PDB file of N, CA and C in Angstrom:
ATOM      1  N   MET A   1      -1.487 -43.693  60.700  1.00  0.00           N
ATOM      2  CA  MET A   1      -0.011 -43.846  60.785  1.00  0.00           C
ATOM      3  C   MET A   1       0.443 -44.122  61.869  1.00  0.00           C
ATOM      4  N   LYS A   2       2.486 -44.401  62.168  1.00  0.00           N
ATOM      5  CA  LYS A   2       2.173 -45.430  63.120  1.00  0.00           C
ATOM      6  C   LYS A   2       3.288 -44.468  64.226  1.00  0.00           C
ATOM      7  N   ASN A   3       2.840 -44.796  65.285  1.00  0.00           N
ATOM      8  CA  ASN A   3       3.419 -43.316  66.142  1.00  0.00           C
ATOM      9  C   ASN A   3       4.909 -43.310  66.188  1.00  0.00           C
ATOM     10  N   LEU A   4       5.342 -42.644  66.684  1.00  0.00           N
ATOM     11  CA  LEU A   4       7.289 -42.193  66.601  1.00  0.00           C
ATOM     12  C   LEU A   4       8.510 -43.565  66.791  1.00  0.00           C
ATOM     13  N   SER A   5       7.552 -44.596  67.682  1.00  0.00           N
ATOM     14  CA  SER A   5       9.163 -45.458  68.759  1.00  0.00           C
ATOM     15  C   SER A   5       8.618 -46.244  67.048  1.00  0.00           C
ATOM     16  N   GLU A   6       7.613 -46.598  66.690  1.00  0.00           N
ATOM     17  CA  GLU A   6       7.462 -47.625  65.822  1.00  0.00           C
ATOM     18  C   GLU A   6       8.216 -47.135  64.591  1.00  0.00           C
ATOM     19  N   GLN A   7       7.625 -45.797  64.318  1.00  0.00           N
ATOM     20  CA  GLN A   7       9.039 -45.359  62.932  1.00  0.00           C
ATOM     21  C   GLN A   7      11.088 -45.129  63.183  1.00  0.00           C
ATOM     22  N   PHE A   8      10.736 -45.149  64.726  1.00  0.00           N
ATOM     23  CA  PHE A   8      12.535 -45.067  64.809  1.00  0.00           C
ATOM     24  C   PHE A   8      13.360 -46.708  65.649  1.00  0.00           C
ATOM     25  N   ASN A   9      12.348 -47.799  65.743  1.00  0.00           N
ATOM     26  CA  ASN A   9      12.880 -49.130  65.431  1.00  0.00           C
ATOM     27  C   ASN A   9      12.931 -49.140  63.774  1.00  0.00           C
ATOM     28  N   GLU A  10      11.684 -48.856  63.128  1.00  0.00           N
ATOM     29  CA  GLU A  10      12.349 -49.193  61.298  1.00  0.00           C
ATOM     30  C   GLU A  10      13.249 -48.604  61.255  1.00  0.00           C
ATOM     31  N   LYS A  11      13.745 -47.002  61.499  1.00  0.00           N
ATOM     32  CA  LYS A  11      14.541 -46.690  61.411  1.00  0.00           C
ATOM     33  C   LYS A  11      15.967 -47.215  61.593  1.00  0.00           C
ATOM     34  N   GLN A  12      15.671 -47.922  63.170  1.00  0.00           N
ATOM     35  CA  GLN A  12      16.930 -48.259  64.046  1.00  0.00           C
ATOM     36  C   GLN A  12      16.884 -49.630  62.569  1.00  0.00           C
ATOM     37  N   LEU A  13      15.856 -50.851  62.132  1.00  0.00           N
ATOM     38  CA  LEU A  13      15.500 -52.012  61.752  1.00  0.00           C
ATOM     39  C   LEU A  13      16.664 -51.247  60.355  1.00  0.00           C
ATOM     40  N   ILE A  14      16.091 -50.769  59.612  1.00  0.00           N
ATOM     41  CA  ILE A  14      16.777 -51.127  57.932  1.00  0.00           C
ATOM     42  C   ILE A  14      18.586 -50.448  58.153  1.00  0.00           C
ATOM     43  N   HIS A  15      19.521 -49.563  58.710  1.00  0.00           N
ATOM     44  CA  HIS A  15      20.533 -49.494  59.774  1.00  0.00           C
ATOM     45  C   HIS A  15      20.912 -51.029  60.188  1.00  0.00           C
ATOM     46  N   GLU A  16      20.467 -51.109  61.038  1.00  0.00           N
ATOM     47  CA  GLU A  16      20.789 -53.099  61.583  1.00  0.00           C
ATOM     48  C   GLU A  16      21.138 -54.496  59.647  1.00  0.00           C
ATOM     49  N   PHE A  17      20.574 -53.683  59.828  1.00  0.00           N
ATOM     50  CA  PHE A  17      19.736 -54.471  57.954  1.00  0.00           C
ATOM     51  C   PHE A  17      21.326 -54.287  57.250  1.00  0.00           C
ATOM     52  N   LYS A  18      21.262 -52.668  56.830  1.00  0.00           N
ATOM     53  CA  LYS A  18      21.442 -52.441  55.917  1.00  0.00           C
ATOM     54  C   LYS A  18      23.704 -52.317  56.401  1.00  0.00           C
ATOM     55  N   ALA A  19      23.834 -52.567  57.530  1.00  0.00           N
ATOM     56  CA  ALA A  19      25.056 -53.382  58.042  1.00  0.00           C
ATOM     57  C   ALA A  19      24.868 -54.906  57.572  1.00  0.00           C
ATOM     58  N   ALA A  20      24.530 -55.947  58.312  1.00  0.00           N
ATOM     59  CA  ALA A  20      24.558 -57.032  58.281  1.00  0.00           C
ATOM     60  C   ALA A  20      24.511 -57.552  56.686  1.00  0.00           C
ATOM     61  N   VAL A  21      23.614 -56.288  55.758  1.00  0.00           N
ATOM     62  CA  VAL A  21      24.614 -56.892  54.352  1.00  0.00           C
ATOM     63  C   VAL A  21      25.577 -56.538  53.994  1.00  0.00           C
ATOM     64  N   ALA A  22      26.628 -55.260  54.516  1.00  0.00           N
ATOM     65  CA  ALA A  22      27.391 -55.084  53.785  1.00  0.00           C
ATOM     66  C   ALA A  22      28.823 -56.579  54.316  1.00  0.00           C
ATOM     67  N   ASP A  23      27.983 -56.413  55.987  1.00  0.00           N
ATOM     68  CA  ASP A  23      29.134 -57.516  55.874  1.00  0.00           C
ATOM     69  C   ASP A  23      29.213 -58.511  55.240  1.00  0.00           C
ATOM     70  N   ALA A  24      27.433 -59.369  55.251  1.00  0.00           N
ATOM     71  CA  ALA A  24      27.656 -60.318  54.301  1.00  0.00           C
ATOM     72  C   ALA A  24      28.707 -60.402  52.368  1.00  0.00           C
ATOM     73  N   GLU A  25      28.410 -58.818  51.917  1.00  0.00           N
ATOM     74  CA  GLU A  25      29.136 -58.562  50.658  1.00  0.00           C
ATOM     75  C   GLU A  25      30.423 -59.038  51.358  1.00  0.00           C
ATOM     76  N   ALA A  26      31.176 -58.240  52.400  1.00  0.00           N
ATOM     77  CA  ALA A  26      32.374 -58.317  52.992  1.00  0.00           C
ATOM     78  C   ALA A  26      32.387 -60.564  52.764  1.00  0.00           C
ATOM     79  N   LEU A  27      32.309 -60.769  53.401  1.00  0.00           N
ATOM     80  CA  LEU A  27      32.215 -62.115  53.133  1.00  0.00           C
ATOM     81  C   LEU A  27      32.034 -62.871  51.888  1.00  0.00           C
ATOM     82  N   LEU A  28      31.138 -62.572  51.178  1.00  0.00           N
ATOM     83  CA  LEU A  28      31.163 -63.171  49.858  1.00  0.00           C
ATOM     84  C   LEU A  28      32.949 -63.136  48.778  1.00  0.00           C
ATOM     85  N   GLU A  29      33.233 -61.757  49.531  1.00  0.00           N
ATOM     86  CA  GLU A  29      34.692 -61.501  48.700  1.00  0.00           C
ATOM     87  C   GLU A  29      35.739 -61.773  49.143  1.00  0.00           C
ATOM     88  N   ALA A  30      35.097 -61.816  50.322  1.00  0.00           N
ATOM     89  CA  ALA A  30      36.726 -63.094  51.077  1.00  0.00           C
ATOM     90  C   ALA A  30      37.205 -64.083  49.918  1.00  0.00           C
ATOM     91  N   THR A  31      35.570 -64.908  49.617  1.00  0.00           N
ATOM     92  CA  THR A  31      35.696 -66.206  50.093  1.00  0.00           C
ATOM     93  C   THR A  31      35.642 -66.573  48.491  1.00  0.00           C
ATOM     94  N   ALA A  32      35.970 -65.697  47.557  1.00  0.00           N
ATOM     95  CA  ALA A  32      35.575 -65.318  45.866  1.00  0.00           C
ATOM     96  C   ALA A  32      36.889 -66.483  45.564  1.00  0.00           C
ATOM     97  N   ASN A  33      38.097 -66.443  45.958  1.00  0.00           N
ATOM     98  CA  ASN A  33      38.433 -66.846  45.489  1.00  0.00           C
ATOM     99  C   ASN A  33      39.218 -68.538  46.039  1.00  0.00           C
ATOM    100  N   THR A  34      38.033 -69.127  46.827  1.00  0.00           N
ATOM    101  CA  THR A  34      37.845 -70.182  47.770  1.00  0.00           C
ATOM    102  C   THR A  34      36.882 -71.084  46.008  1.00  0.00           C
ATOM    103  N   GLY A  35      38.053 -72.346  45.963  1.00  0.00           N
ATOM    104  CA  GLY A  35      36.717 -72.706  45.416  1.00  0.00           C
ATOM    105  C   GLY A  35      36.085 -73.865  45.210  1.00  0.00           C
ATOM    106  N   GLY A  36      35.875 -74.688  44.831  1.00  0.00           N
ATOM    107  CA  GLY A  36      34.576 -75.781  45.245  1.00  0.00           C
ATOM    108  C   GLY A  36      33.109 -75.443  45.015  1.00  0.00           C
ATOM    109  N   GLU A  37      32.629 -76.561  43.831  1.00  0.00           N
ATOM    110  CA  GLU A  37      31.642 -76.340  42.668  1.00  0.00           C
ATOM    111  C   GLU A  37      30.601 -76.300  44.420  1.00  0.00           C
ATOM    112  N   LYS A  38      29.894 -76.481  45.216  1.00  0.00           N
ATOM    113  CA  LYS A  38      28.993 -76.146  46.329  1.00  0.00           C
ATOM    114  C   LYS A  38      29.012 -74.624  46.861  1.00  0.00           C
ATOM    115  N   LEU A  39      30.759 -74.494  46.925  1.00  0.00           N
ATOM    116  CA  LEU A  39      30.649 -72.909  47.594  1.00  0.00           C
ATOM    117  C   LEU A  39      29.689 -72.240  46.334  1.00  0.00           C
ATOM    118  N   ALA A  40      30.508 -72.575  45.181  1.00  0.00           N
ATOM    119  CA  ALA A  40      29.761 -71.668  44.370  1.00  0.00           C
ATOM    120  C   ALA A  40      28.187 -71.317  44.036  1.00  0.00           C
ATOM    121  N   GLU A  41      27.219 -72.550  44.446  1.00  0.00           N
ATOM    122  CA  GLU A  41      26.576 -72.674  44.508  1.00  0.00           C
ATOM    123  C   GLU A  41      25.801 -71.930  45.285  1.00  0.00           C
ATOM    124  N   ILE A  42      25.755 -72.464  47.011  1.00  0.00           N
ATOM    125  CA  ILE A  42      26.163 -71.317  48.363  1.00  0.00           C
ATOM    126  C   ILE A  42      26.453 -70.410  47.958  1.00  0.00           C
ATOM    127  N   ARG A  43      27.267 -69.246  47.030  1.00  0.00           N
ATOM    128  CA  ARG A  43      27.999 -68.227  47.215  1.00  0.00           C
ATOM    129  C   ARG A  43      26.923 -67.569  46.068  1.00  0.00           C
ATOM    130  N   ALA A  44      26.026 -67.868  45.357  1.00  0.00           N
ATOM    131  CA  ALA A  44      25.042 -67.896  44.298  1.00  0.00           C
ATOM    132  C   ALA A  44      24.273 -67.274  44.583  1.00  0.00           C
ATOM    133  N   ARG A  45      24.018 -68.206  45.717  1.00  0.00           N
ATOM    134  CA  ARG A  45      22.225 -67.896  46.643  1.00  0.00           C
ATOM    135  C   ARG A  45      22.011 -67.317  47.007  1.00  0.00           C
ATOM    136  N   VAL A  46      23.526 -66.839  47.383  1.00  0.00           N
ATOM    137  CA  VAL A  46      23.553 -65.375  49.010  1.00  0.00           C
ATOM    138  C   VAL A  46      23.709 -64.453  48.213  1.00  0.00           C
ATOM    139  N   GLU A  47      24.230 -64.428  46.682  1.00  0.00           N
ATOM    140  CA  GLU A  47      24.555 -62.942  46.251  1.00  0.00           C
ATOM    141  C   GLU A  47      23.283 -62.247  45.697  1.00  0.00           C
ATOM    142  N   GLU A  48      21.875 -63.576  45.402  1.00  0.00           N
ATOM    143  CA  GLU A  48      20.630 -63.682  44.800  1.00  0.00           C
ATOM    144  C   GLU A  48      19.828 -63.157  46.248  1.00  0.00           C
ATOM    145  N   SER A  49      20.011 -63.602  46.999  1.00  0.00           N
ATOM    146  CA  SER A  49      18.912 -62.691  48.273  1.00  0.00           C
ATOM    147  C   SER A  49      20.057 -62.146  48.916  1.00  0.00           C
ATOM    148  N   LEU A  50      20.798 -61.255  49.032  1.00  0.00           N
ATOM    149  CA  LEU A  50      21.491 -60.095  48.970  1.00  0.00           C
ATOM    150  C   LEU A  50      20.406 -58.814  48.234  1.00  0.00           C
ATOM    151  N   GLY A  51      20.371 -59.544  46.777  1.00  0.00           N
ATOM    152  CA  GLY A  51      19.672 -58.890  46.028  1.00  0.00           C
ATOM    153  C   GLY A  51      18.537 -58.608  45.970  1.00  0.00           C
ATOM    154  N   ILE A  52      18.175 -59.422  45.991  1.00  0.00           N
ATOM    155  CA  ILE A  52      16.274 -58.785  46.769  1.00  0.00           C
ATOM    156  C   ILE A  52      15.743 -58.037  48.556  1.00  0.00           C
ATOM    157  N   ALA A  53      17.163 -58.499  49.222  1.00  0.00           N
ATOM    158  CA  ALA A  53      16.693 -58.343  49.909  1.00  0.00           C
ATOM    159  C   ALA A  53      17.206 -55.996  50.462  1.00  0.00           C
ATOM    160  N   LYS A  54      18.058 -56.556  49.722  1.00  0.00           N
ATOM    161  CA  LYS A  54      19.093 -54.907  49.367  1.00  0.00           C
ATOM    162  C   LYS A  54      17.461 -54.202  48.435  1.00  0.00           C
ATOM    163  N   ALA A  55      16.892 -54.940  47.691  1.00  0.00           N
ATOM    164  CA  ALA A  55      15.711 -53.887  46.687  1.00  0.00           C
ATOM    165  C   ALA A  55      13.871 -53.459  47.681  1.00  0.00           C
ATOM    166  N   SER A  56      14.430 -55.362  48.565  1.00  0.00           N
ATOM    167  CA  SER A  56      13.153 -54.527  50.234  1.00  0.00           C
ATOM    168  C   SER A  56      13.454 -53.454  50.646  1.00  0.00           C
ATOM    169  N   ILE A  57      14.393 -53.274  51.124  1.00  0.00           N
ATOM    170  CA  ILE A  57      15.168 -52.226  52.278  1.00  0.00           C
ATOM    171  C   ILE A  57      15.025 -50.931  51.794  1.00  0.00           C
ATOM    172  N   MET A  58      15.273 -51.044  50.178  1.00  0.00           N
ATOM    173  CA  MET A  58      14.550 -49.586  50.480  1.00  0.00           C
ATOM    174  C   MET A  58      13.708 -49.494  50.082  1.00  0.00           C
ATOM    175  N   GLY A  59      12.970 -49.439  50.045  1.00  0.00           N
ATOM    176  CA  GLY A  59      11.813 -49.634  48.823  1.00  0.00           C
ATOM    177  C   GLY A  59      11.401 -49.263  50.595  1.00  0.00           C
ATOM    178  N   VAL A  60      11.605 -50.242  51.824  1.00  0.00           N
ATOM    179  CA  VAL A  60      10.799 -49.642  52.858  1.00  0.00           C
ATOM    180  C   VAL A  60      11.178 -48.382  53.183  1.00  0.00           C
ATOM    181  N   GLN A  61      12.776 -48.118  53.788  1.00  0.00           N
ATOM    182  CA  GLN A  61      13.517 -46.935  53.549  1.00  0.00           C
ATOM    183  C   GLN A  61      13.169 -45.386  53.261  1.00  0.00           C
ATOM    184  N   ASP A  62      12.186 -46.084  51.792  1.00  0.00           N
ATOM    185  CA  ASP A  62      11.549 -44.679  50.807  1.00  0.00           C
ATOM    186  C   ASP A  62      10.450 -45.145  51.951  1.00  0.00           C
ATOM    187  N   GLU A  63       9.252 -45.552  52.156  1.00  0.00           N
ATOM    188  CA  GLU A  63       8.471 -45.438  52.910  1.00  0.00           C
ATOM    189  C   GLU A  63       8.071 -44.237  53.787  1.00  0.00           C
ATOM    190  N   VAL A  64       9.198 -45.223  54.782  1.00  0.00           N
ATOM    191  CA  VAL A  64       9.501 -44.167  55.403  1.00  0.00           C
ATOM    192  C   VAL A  64      10.231 -42.793  55.431  1.00  0.00           C
ATOM    193  N   LEU A  65      10.972 -42.408  55.256  1.00  0.00           N
ATOM    194  CA  LEU A  65      11.351 -40.997  54.397  1.00  0.00           C
ATOM    195  C   LEU A  65       9.548 -40.123  54.748  1.00  0.00           C
ATOM    196  N   ALA A  66       8.847 -40.980  53.140  1.00  0.00           N
ATOM    197  CA  ALA A  66       7.992 -40.472  52.664  1.00  0.00           C
ATOM    198  C   ALA A  66       6.489 -39.994  54.022  1.00  0.00           C
ATOM    199  N   ARG A  67       6.790 -40.748  55.208  1.00  0.00           N
ATOM    200  CA  ARG A  67       6.512 -40.920  55.935  1.00  0.00           C
ATOM    201  C   ARG A  67       6.534 -40.053  57.556  1.00  0.00           C
ATOM    202  N   THR A  68       7.665 -39.596  57.354  1.00  0.00           N
ATOM    203  CA  THR A  68       8.616 -38.432  58.177  1.00  0.00           C
ATOM    204  C   THR A  68       7.883 -37.185  56.960  1.00  0.00           C
ATOM    205  N   HIS A  69       8.466 -37.150  56.545  1.00  0.00           N
ATOM    206  CA  HIS A  69       7.877 -35.985  55.295  1.00  0.00           C
ATOM    207  C   HIS A  69       6.326 -35.171  55.242  1.00  0.00           C
ATOM    208  N   ALA A  70       6.178 -36.004  55.698  1.00  0.00           N
ATOM    209  CA  ALA A  70       4.496 -36.152  55.308  1.00  0.00           C
ATOM    210  C   ALA A  70       4.048 -35.715  56.773  1.00  0.00           C
ATOM    211  N   VAL A  71       4.185 -36.492  57.832  1.00  0.00           N
ATOM    212  CA  VAL A  71       4.138 -35.766  59.416  1.00  0.00           C
ATOM    213  C   VAL A  71       4.809 -34.242  59.908  1.00  0.00           C
ATOM    214  N   VAL A  72       6.276 -33.642  58.793  1.00  0.00           N
ATOM    215  CA  VAL A  72       6.361 -32.690  58.818  1.00  0.00           C
ATOM    216  C   VAL A  72       5.883 -31.876  58.882  1.00  0.00           C
ATOM    217  N   LYS A  73       4.906 -32.319  57.084  1.00  0.00           N
ATOM    218  CA  LYS A  73       4.546 -30.921  56.964  1.00  0.00           C
ATOM    219  C   LYS A  73       3.293 -30.785  57.565  1.00  0.00           C
ATOM    220  N   ALA A  74       2.325 -31.982  58.211  1.00  0.00           N
ATOM    221  CA  ALA A  74       1.232 -31.604  59.127  1.00  0.00           C
ATOM    222  C   ALA A  74       0.895 -30.896  60.056  1.00  0.00           C
ATOM    223  N   THR A  75       2.287 -30.880  60.622  1.00  0.00           N
ATOM    224  CA  THR A  75       2.772 -30.361  61.923  1.00  0.00           C
ATOM    225  C   THR A  75       2.748 -29.591  61.383  1.00  0.00           C
ATOM    226  N   ASP A  76       3.743 -28.536  60.262  1.00  0.00           N
ATOM    227  CA  ASP A  76       4.017 -27.120  59.825  1.00  0.00           C
ATOM    228  C   ASP A  76       2.979 -25.764  59.680  1.00  0.00           C
ATOM    229  N   VAL A  77       2.496 -27.382  58.716  1.00  0.00           N
ATOM    230  CA  VAL A  77       1.214 -27.049  58.844  1.00  0.00           C
ATOM    231  C   VAL A  77      -0.320 -26.500  59.679  1.00  0.00           C
ATOM    232  N   TYR A  78      -0.412 -26.993  60.393  1.00  0.00           N
ATOM    233  CA  TYR A  78      -0.307 -27.360  61.732  1.00  0.00           C
ATOM    234  C   TYR A  78       0.210 -25.994  62.911  1.00  0.00           C
ATOM    235  N   VAL A  79       0.713 -26.042  63.226  1.00  0.00           N
ATOM    236  CA  VAL A  79       1.630 -24.642  63.678  1.00  0.00           C
ATOM    237  C   VAL A  79       1.424 -23.862  63.212  1.00  0.00           C
ATOM    238  N   HIS A  80       0.995 -23.240  61.664  1.00  0.00           N
ATOM    239  CA  HIS A  80       0.963 -22.132  61.214  1.00  0.00           C
ATOM    240  C   HIS A  80      -0.348 -21.714  61.177  1.00  0.00           C
ATOM    241  N   GLU A  81      -1.470 -22.440  61.356  1.00  0.00           N
ATOM    242  CA  GLU A  81      -3.188 -22.133  61.078  1.00  0.00           C
ATOM    243  C   GLU A  81      -3.044 -21.967  62.569  1.00  0.00           C
ATOM    244  N   ASN A  82      -2.812 -22.802  63.832  1.00  0.00           N
ATOM    245  CA  ASN A  82      -2.916 -22.117  65.676  1.00  0.00           C
ATOM    246  C   ASN A  82      -1.663 -22.071  66.101  1.00  0.00           C
ATOM    247  N   PRO A  83      -1.148 -20.667  65.674  1.00  0.00           N
ATOM    248  CA  PRO A  83       0.609 -20.384  66.782  1.00  0.00           C
ATOM    249  C   PRO A  83      -0.241 -20.257  68.602  1.00  0.00           C
ATOM    250  N   TRP A  84      -1.181 -19.855  68.833  1.00  0.00           N
ATOM    251  CA  TRP A  84      -0.638 -19.827  70.288  1.00  0.00           C
ATOM    252  C   TRP A  84      -1.497 -21.450  70.873  1.00  0.00           C
ATOM    253  N   ARG A  85      -2.141 -21.413  70.127  1.00  0.00           N
ATOM    254  CA  ARG A  85      -2.351 -23.167  70.735  1.00  0.00           C
ATOM    255  C   ARG A  85      -1.032 -23.707  70.453  1.00  0.00           C
ATOM    256  N   SER A  86      -0.679 -24.330  69.741  1.00  0.00           N
ATOM    257  CA  SER A  86       0.938 -24.243  70.003  1.00  0.00           C
ATOM    258  C   SER A  86       2.295 -24.215  70.772  1.00  0.00           C
ATOM    259  N   ILE A  87       2.179 -22.941  70.508  1.00  0.00           N
ATOM    260  CA  ILE A  87       2.650 -21.901  71.880  1.00  0.00           C
ATOM    261  C   ILE A  87       2.404 -22.533  72.898  1.00  0.00           C
ATOM    262  N   GLY A  88       1.141 -22.598  73.214  1.00  0.00           N
ATOM    263  CA  GLY A  88       1.017 -23.104  74.904  1.00  0.00           C
ATOM    264  C   GLY A  88       0.648 -24.685  74.328  1.00  0.00           C
ATOM    265  N   PHE A  89       1.210 -25.439  74.008  1.00  0.00           N
ATOM    266  CA  PHE A  89       1.065 -26.285  73.887  1.00  0.00           C
ATOM    267  C   PHE A  89       2.890 -26.864  74.547  1.00  0.00           C
ATOM    268  N   ALA A  90       4.519 -25.928  73.896  1.00  0.00           N
ATOM    269  CA  ALA A  90       4.521 -26.087  74.346  1.00  0.00           C
ATOM    270  C   ALA A  90       5.358 -25.649  75.325  1.00  0.00           C
ATOM    271  N   ALA A  91       4.199 -24.583  76.222  1.00  0.00           N
ATOM    272  CA  ALA A  91       4.918 -23.468  77.503  1.00  0.00           C
ATOM    273  C   ALA A  91       4.194 -24.916  78.439  1.00  0.00           C
ATOM    274  N   SER A  92       3.415 -25.353  78.299  1.00  0.00           N
ATOM    275  CA  SER A  92       2.491 -26.706  79.052  1.00  0.00           C
ATOM    276  C   SER A  92       3.902 -27.947  79.095  1.00  0.00           C
ATOM    277  N   LEU A  93       3.925 -28.587  77.952  1.00  0.00           N
ATOM    278  CA  LEU A  93       5.104 -29.591  77.583  1.00  0.00           C
ATOM    279  C   LEU A  93       6.335 -29.160  78.610  1.00  0.00           C
ATOM    280  N   GLY A  94       6.402 -28.270  79.015  1.00  0.00           N
ATOM    281  CA  GLY A  94       8.336 -27.108  78.979  1.00  0.00           C
ATOM    282  C   GLY A  94       7.766 -26.988  80.591  1.00  0.00           C
ATOM    283  N   ILE A  95       7.245 -26.764  80.988  1.00  0.00           N
ATOM    284  CA  ILE A  95       6.809 -26.496  82.301  1.00  0.00           C
ATOM    285  C   ILE A  95       6.719 -28.067  83.236  1.00  0.00           C
ATOM    286  N   VAL A  96       5.655 -29.168  82.505  1.00  0.00           N
ATOM    287  CA  VAL A  96       5.146 -30.191  83.185  1.00  0.00           C
ATOM    288  C   VAL A  96       6.821 -31.227  82.960  1.00  0.00           C
ATOM    289  N   VAL A  97       7.865 -30.426  82.042  1.00  0.00           N
ATOM    290  CA  VAL A  97       9.481 -31.495  82.087  1.00  0.00           C
ATOM    291  C   VAL A  97       9.576 -30.447  82.920  1.00  0.00           C
ATOM    292  N   GLY A  98       9.642 -29.419  83.450  1.00  0.00           N
ATOM    293  CA  GLY A  98      10.604 -28.444  84.194  1.00  0.00           C
ATOM    294  C   GLY A  98      10.262 -29.242  85.692  1.00  0.00           C
ATOM    295  N   LEU A  99       9.224 -29.616  85.664  1.00  0.00           N
ATOM    296  CA  LEU A  99       8.566 -30.210  87.603  1.00  0.00           C
ATOM    297  C   LEU A  99       9.184 -31.689  87.890  1.00  0.00           C
ATOM    298  N   LEU A 100       9.361 -31.974  86.432  1.00  0.00           N
ATOM    299  CA  LEU A 100       9.588 -33.760  86.496  1.00  0.00           C
ATOM    300  C   LEU A 100      11.033 -33.449  87.069  1.00  0.00           C
ATOM    301  N   ILE A 101      11.870 -32.418  86.183  1.00  0.00           N
ATOM    302  CA  ILE A 101      13.150 -32.579  86.599  1.00  0.00           C
ATOM    303  C   ILE A 101      13.722 -31.783  88.152  1.00  0.00           C
ATOM    304  N   GLY A 102      12.264 -31.167  88.110  1.00  0.00           N
ATOM    305  CA  GLY A 102      13.062 -30.447  90.089  1.00  0.00           C
ATOM    306  C   GLY A 102      13.052 -31.356  90.787  1.00  0.00           C
ATOM    307  N   ARG A 103      11.853 -32.652  90.248  1.00  0.00           N
ATOM    308  CA  ARG A 103      11.247 -33.530  91.783  1.00  0.00           C
ATOM    309  C   ARG A 103      13.078 -34.185  92.158  1.00  0.00           C
ATOM    310  N   ARG A 104      13.842 -33.749  90.933  1.00  0.00           N
ATOM    311  CA  ARG A 104      14.043 -35.108  90.785  1.00  0.00           C
ATOM    312  C   ARG A 104      15.426 -34.291  92.347  1.00  0.00           C
TER     313      ARG A 104
END
Protein backbone atom coordinates (compact mmCIF):
# COMPACT_ATOMS: atom_id res chain seq x y z
CA MET A 1 0.00 0.00 0.00
CA LYS A 2 1.20 3.52 -0.73
CA ASN A 3 1.90 5.93 2.07
CA LEU A 4 -0.35 8.89 2.82
CA SER A 5 1.78 11.48 0.99
CA GLU A 6 1.72 9.43 -2.22
CA GLN A 7 -2.07 9.07 -1.97
CA PHE A 8 -2.41 12.82 -1.42
CA ASN A 9 -0.22 13.48 -4.45
CA GLU A 10 -2.44 11.19 -6.53
CA LYS A 11 -5.54 13.08 -5.41
CA GLN A 12 -3.87 16.40 -6.14
CA LEU A 13 -2.75 15.13 -9.55
CA ILE A 14 -6.28 13.97 -10.36
CA HIS A 15 -7.67 17.38 -9.41
CA GLU A 16 -5.10 19.25 -11.51
CA PHE A 17 -5.62 16.91 -14.46
CA LYS A 18 -9.38 17.43 -14.34
CA ALA A 19 -8.79 21.19 -14.39
CA ALA A 20 -6.50 20.85 -17.42
CA VAL A 21 -9.08 18.71 -19.23
CA ALA A 22 -11.79 21.29 -18.49
CA ASP A 23 -9.55 24.06 -19.87
CA ALA A 24 -8.83 22.05 -23.01
CA GLU A 25 -12.55 21.41 -23.53
CA ALA A 26 -13.26 25.12 -23.13
CA LEU A 27 -10.58 25.88 -25.72
CA LEU A 28 -12.12 23.37 -28.13
CA GLU A 29 -15.54 24.95 -27.69
CA ALA A 30 -14.12 28.44 -28.23
CA THR A 31 -12.47 27.41 -31.52
CA ALA A 32 -15.41 25.34 -32.77
CA ASN A 33 -16.52 28.00 -35.24
CA THR A 34 -13.03 28.64 -36.58
CA GLY A 35 -12.59 27.19 -40.05
CA GLY A 36 -9.76 25.29 -41.62
CA GLU A 37 -9.18 21.65 -42.41
CA LYS A 38 -5.92 21.49 -40.45
CA LEU A 39 -7.58 22.99 -37.37
CA ALA A 40 -10.48 20.53 -37.63
CA GLU A 41 -8.01 17.63 -37.80
CA ILE A 42 -6.12 18.88 -34.74
CA ARG A 43 -9.39 19.45 -32.87
CA ALA A 44 -10.47 15.85 -33.60
CA ARG A 45 -7.17 14.47 -32.31
CA VAL A 46 -7.39 16.58 -29.15
CA GLU A 47 -10.96 15.44 -28.52
CA GLU A 48 -9.90 11.81 -28.91
CA SER A 49 -6.95 12.29 -26.56
CA LEU A 50 -9.15 14.01 -23.99
CA GLY A 51 -11.60 11.11 -24.09
CA ILE A 52 -8.83 8.60 -23.47
CA ALA A 53 -7.34 10.76 -20.71
CA LYS A 54 -10.72 11.17 -19.00
CA ALA A 55 -11.30 7.42 -19.00
CA SER A 56 -7.88 6.67 -17.53
CA ILE A 57 -8.12 9.35 -14.85
CA MET A 58 -11.51 8.02 -13.78
CA GLY A 59 -9.92 4.60 -13.35
CA VAL A 60 -7.16 6.06 -11.19
CA GLN A 61 -9.69 8.00 -9.15
CA ASP A 62 -11.74 4.86 -8.51
CA GLU A 63 -8.60 2.99 -7.45
CA VAL A 64 -7.58 5.76 -5.03
CA LEU A 65 -11.06 5.80 -3.51
CA ALA A 66 -11.04 2.01 -3.12
CA ARG A 67 -7.65 2.13 -1.37
CA THR A 68 -8.84 4.91 0.91
CA HIS A 69 -11.93 2.95 1.89
CA ALA A 70 -9.81 -0.15 2.56
CA VAL A 71 -7.46 1.81 4.84
CA VAL A 72 -10.37 3.36 6.72
CA LYS A 73 -11.99 -0.04 7.22
CA ALA A 74 -8.71 -1.63 8.39
CA THR A 75 -8.15 1.22 10.84
CA ASP A 76 -11.69 0.89 12.17
CA VAL A 77 -11.28 -2.85 12.70
CA TYR A 78 -7.91 -2.36 14.42
CA VAL A 79 -9.25 0.32 16.78
CA HIS A 80 -12.24 -1.84 17.71
CA GLU A 81 -10.01 -4.87 18.35
CA ASN A 82 -7.36 -2.90 20.27
CA PRO A 83 -9.08 0.04 21.97
CA TRP A 84 -6.56 0.54 24.79
CA ARG A 85 -3.58 0.30 22.50
CA SER A 86 -5.21 2.87 20.21
CA ILE A 87 -5.93 5.19 23.14
CA GLY A 88 -2.32 4.82 24.30
CA PHE A 89 -1.00 5.60 20.85
CA ALA A 90 -3.24 8.65 20.50
CA ALA A 91 -2.22 9.91 23.95
CA SER A 92 1.47 9.40 23.16
CA LEU A 93 1.10 11.24 19.89
CA GLY A 94 -0.72 14.07 21.70
CA ILE A 95 2.10 14.36 24.24
CA VAL A 96 4.75 14.47 21.52
CA VAL A 97 2.86 17.12 19.57
CA GLY A 98 2.29 19.10 22.78
CA LEU A 99 5.99 18.97 23.64
CA LEU A 100 6.97 20.07 20.15
CA ILE A 101 4.54 22.98 20.21
CA GLY A 102 5.70 23.93 23.71
CA ARG A 103 9.33 24.12 22.64
CA ARG A 104 8.64 27.12 20.42
